[in-house]
Amino acid sequence: AVVGMNPDAEHHQFYMDMAEVTSVPLAVRGRMQLNILMQTVPDIDMFKNISWTVMPMMWFSQEADLTPELASQMGVLVGLVNWGRWVLLGGGVVGVLLVLLGLVLHFRGTLRTNDDDRLLH
């Protein structure tokens, strides 16, 4: 182990905060550590007495937050999602009513059909 390293989840973990309705990332913290494997190499004097160890080589962090401008647009997006549900439901109801109307007109027309009726007067 490396002396002096104290991992802290708040400063070292990767996380992404997502909006519940739209799945838009609100805050992202990407953190990564690259390690090197240290082990004994008998032919090299410098590495003869090294025990097998994973040694941190580099650590970096990238952070991104939703800007206020994009946050204001999120409200519009959430509103569109909510309106979209009602529009979809309304469209489905109108579609079902049109299918029922078409069936009624079709069967009403076939029940009244008379072969003596002329198409053109």
Protein backbone atom coordinates (compact mmCIF):
# COMPACT_ATOMS: atom_id res chain seq x y z
CA ALA A 1 0.00 0.00 0.00
CA VAL A 2 1.02 3.60 -0.52
CA VAL A 3 1.56 5.59 2.66
CA GLY A 4 -0.39 8.84 2.83
CA MET A 5 -3.19 7.96 0.41
CA ASN A 6 -6.62 8.40 1.94
CA PRO A 7 -9.41 7.84 -0.61
CA ASP A 8 -12.49 9.96 -0.03
CA ALA A 9 -15.69 9.15 -1.95
CA GLU A 10 -16.74 12.81 -2.13
CA HIS A 11 -13.52 13.75 -3.91
CA HIS A 12 -12.63 10.55 -5.75
CA GLN A 13 -15.74 8.75 -7.00
CA PHE A 14 -17.27 9.08 -10.48
CA TYR A 15 -20.91 10.13 -10.49
CA MET A 16 -23.58 11.55 -12.75
CA ASP A 17 -26.72 13.36 -11.55
CA MET A 18 -29.55 12.94 -14.07
CA ALA A 19 -32.92 14.70 -14.40
CA GLU A 20 -35.72 12.29 -13.52
CA VAL A 21 -38.10 13.02 -16.42
CA THR A 22 -35.71 13.84 -19.27
CA SER A 23 -32.52 11.94 -18.29
CA VAL A 24 -30.46 15.04 -19.08
CA PRO A 25 -27.21 15.08 -17.06
CA LEU A 26 -27.35 17.89 -14.48
CA ALA A 27 -23.93 17.36 -12.92
CA VAL A 28 -21.09 15.04 -13.89
CA ARG A 29 -17.91 14.33 -11.95
CA GLY A 30 -15.52 12.09 -13.85
CA ARG A 31 -12.48 11.04 -11.86
CA MET A 32 -9.88 8.51 -12.84
CA GLN A 33 -6.61 7.20 -11.51
CA LEU A 34 -4.00 5.43 -13.63
CA ASN A 35 -1.80 2.94 -11.82
CA ILE A 36 1.42 1.14 -12.62
CA LEU A 37 2.29 -2.36 -11.46
CA MET A 38 5.62 -2.46 -9.62
CA GLN A 39 7.23 -5.88 -9.32
CA THR A 40 10.61 -7.48 -8.86
CA VAL A 41 12.85 -7.64 -11.93
CA PRO A 42 15.89 -9.76 -10.98
CA ASP A 43 18.06 -8.58 -13.89
CA ILE A 44 17.75 -4.87 -13.03
CA ASP A 45 19.47 -3.78 -9.81
CA MET A 46 17.00 -0.95 -9.26
CA PHE A 47 14.02 -3.37 -9.20
CA LYS A 48 15.55 -6.37 -7.38
CA ASN A 49 14.10 -5.59 -3.96
CA ILE A 50 10.72 -4.15 -4.98
CA SER A 51 7.69 -6.07 -3.75
CA TRP A 52 4.65 -6.57 -5.96
CA THR A 53 2.74 -3.27 -5.62
CA VAL A 54 0.19 -1.27 -7.57
CA MET A 55 1.45 2.32 -7.52
CA PRO A 56 -0.68 5.36 -8.45
CA MET A 57 0.85 7.18 -11.38
CA MET A 58 -1.66 9.86 -12.35
CA TRP A 59 -5.04 11.09 -11.13
CA PHE A 60 -7.37 13.54 -12.83
CA SER A 61 -10.86 14.93 -12.50
CA GLN A 62 -13.30 16.47 -14.98
CA GLU A 63 -16.44 18.25 -13.83
CA ALA A 64 -19.43 19.59 -15.72
CA ASP A 65 -22.58 21.29 -14.44
CA LEU A 66 -25.73 22.37 -16.22
CA THR A 67 -25.54 26.09 -17.01
CA PRO A 68 -28.35 28.45 -15.92
CA GLU A 69 -29.31 29.00 -19.58
CA LEU A 70 -29.73 25.26 -20.17
CA ALA A 71 -31.46 24.86 -16.81
CA SER A 72 -34.13 27.36 -17.89
CA GLN A 73 -34.67 25.35 -21.08
CA MET A 74 -35.09 22.22 -18.97
CA GLY A 75 -38.38 23.65 -17.66
CA VAL A 76 -39.65 23.93 -21.22
CA LEU A 77 -38.51 20.38 -21.95
CA VAL A 78 -40.29 18.98 -18.89
CA GLY A 79 -43.43 20.88 -19.92
CA LEU A 80 -43.23 19.39 -23.41
CA VAL A 81 -42.91 15.90 -21.97
CA ASN A 82 -46.00 16.45 -19.82
CA TRP A 83 -47.97 17.96 -22.71
CA GLY A 84 -46.79 15.14 -24.96
CA ARG A 85 -48.48 12.58 -22.75
CA TRP A 86 -51.83 14.35 -23.05
CA VAL A 87 -51.43 14.91 -26.80
CA LEU A 88 -50.66 11.22 -27.26
CA LEU A 89 -53.66 10.23 -25.16
CA GLY A 90 -55.93 12.67 -27.03
CA GLY A 91 -54.66 11.43 -30.39
CA GLY A 92 -55.34 7.85 -29.35
CA VAL A 93 -58.90 8.71 -28.29
CA VAL A 94 -59.55 10.56 -31.57
CA GLY A 95 -58.10 7.60 -33.51
CA VAL A 96 -60.35 5.10 -31.72
CA LEU A 97 -63.40 7.31 -32.31
CA LEU A 98 -62.58 7.61 -36.03
CA VAL A 99 -62.19 3.84 -36.35
CA LEU A 100 -65.54 3.31 -34.60
CA LEU A 101 -67.19 5.93 -36.84
CA GLY A 102 -65.74 4.24 -39.93
CA LEU A 103 -67.03 0.84 -38.82
CA VAL A 104 -70.51 2.24 -38.10
CA LEU A 105 -70.68 3.97 -41.49
CA HIS A 106 -69.38 0.88 -43.29
CA PHE A 107 -71.86 -1.53 -41.72
CA ARG A 108 -74.72 0.94 -41.98
CA GLY A 109 -73.99 1.31 -45.67
CA THR A 110 -73.76 -2.43 -46.32
CA LEU A 111 -77.05 -3.12 -44.51
CA ARG A 112 -78.92 -0.54 -46.64
CA THR A 113 -77.46 -1.54 -49.97
CA ASN A 114 -80.00 -2.04 -52.69
CA ASP A 115 -78.94 -3.36 -56.07
CA ASP A 116 -81.55 -1.19 -57.79
CA ASP A 117 -79.90 2.04 -56.56
CA ARG A 118 -78.12 3.88 -59.33
CA LEU A 119 -74.72 5.37 -58.64
CA LEU A 120 -75.37 8.38 -60.84
CA HIS A 121 -78.73 10.11 -61.30
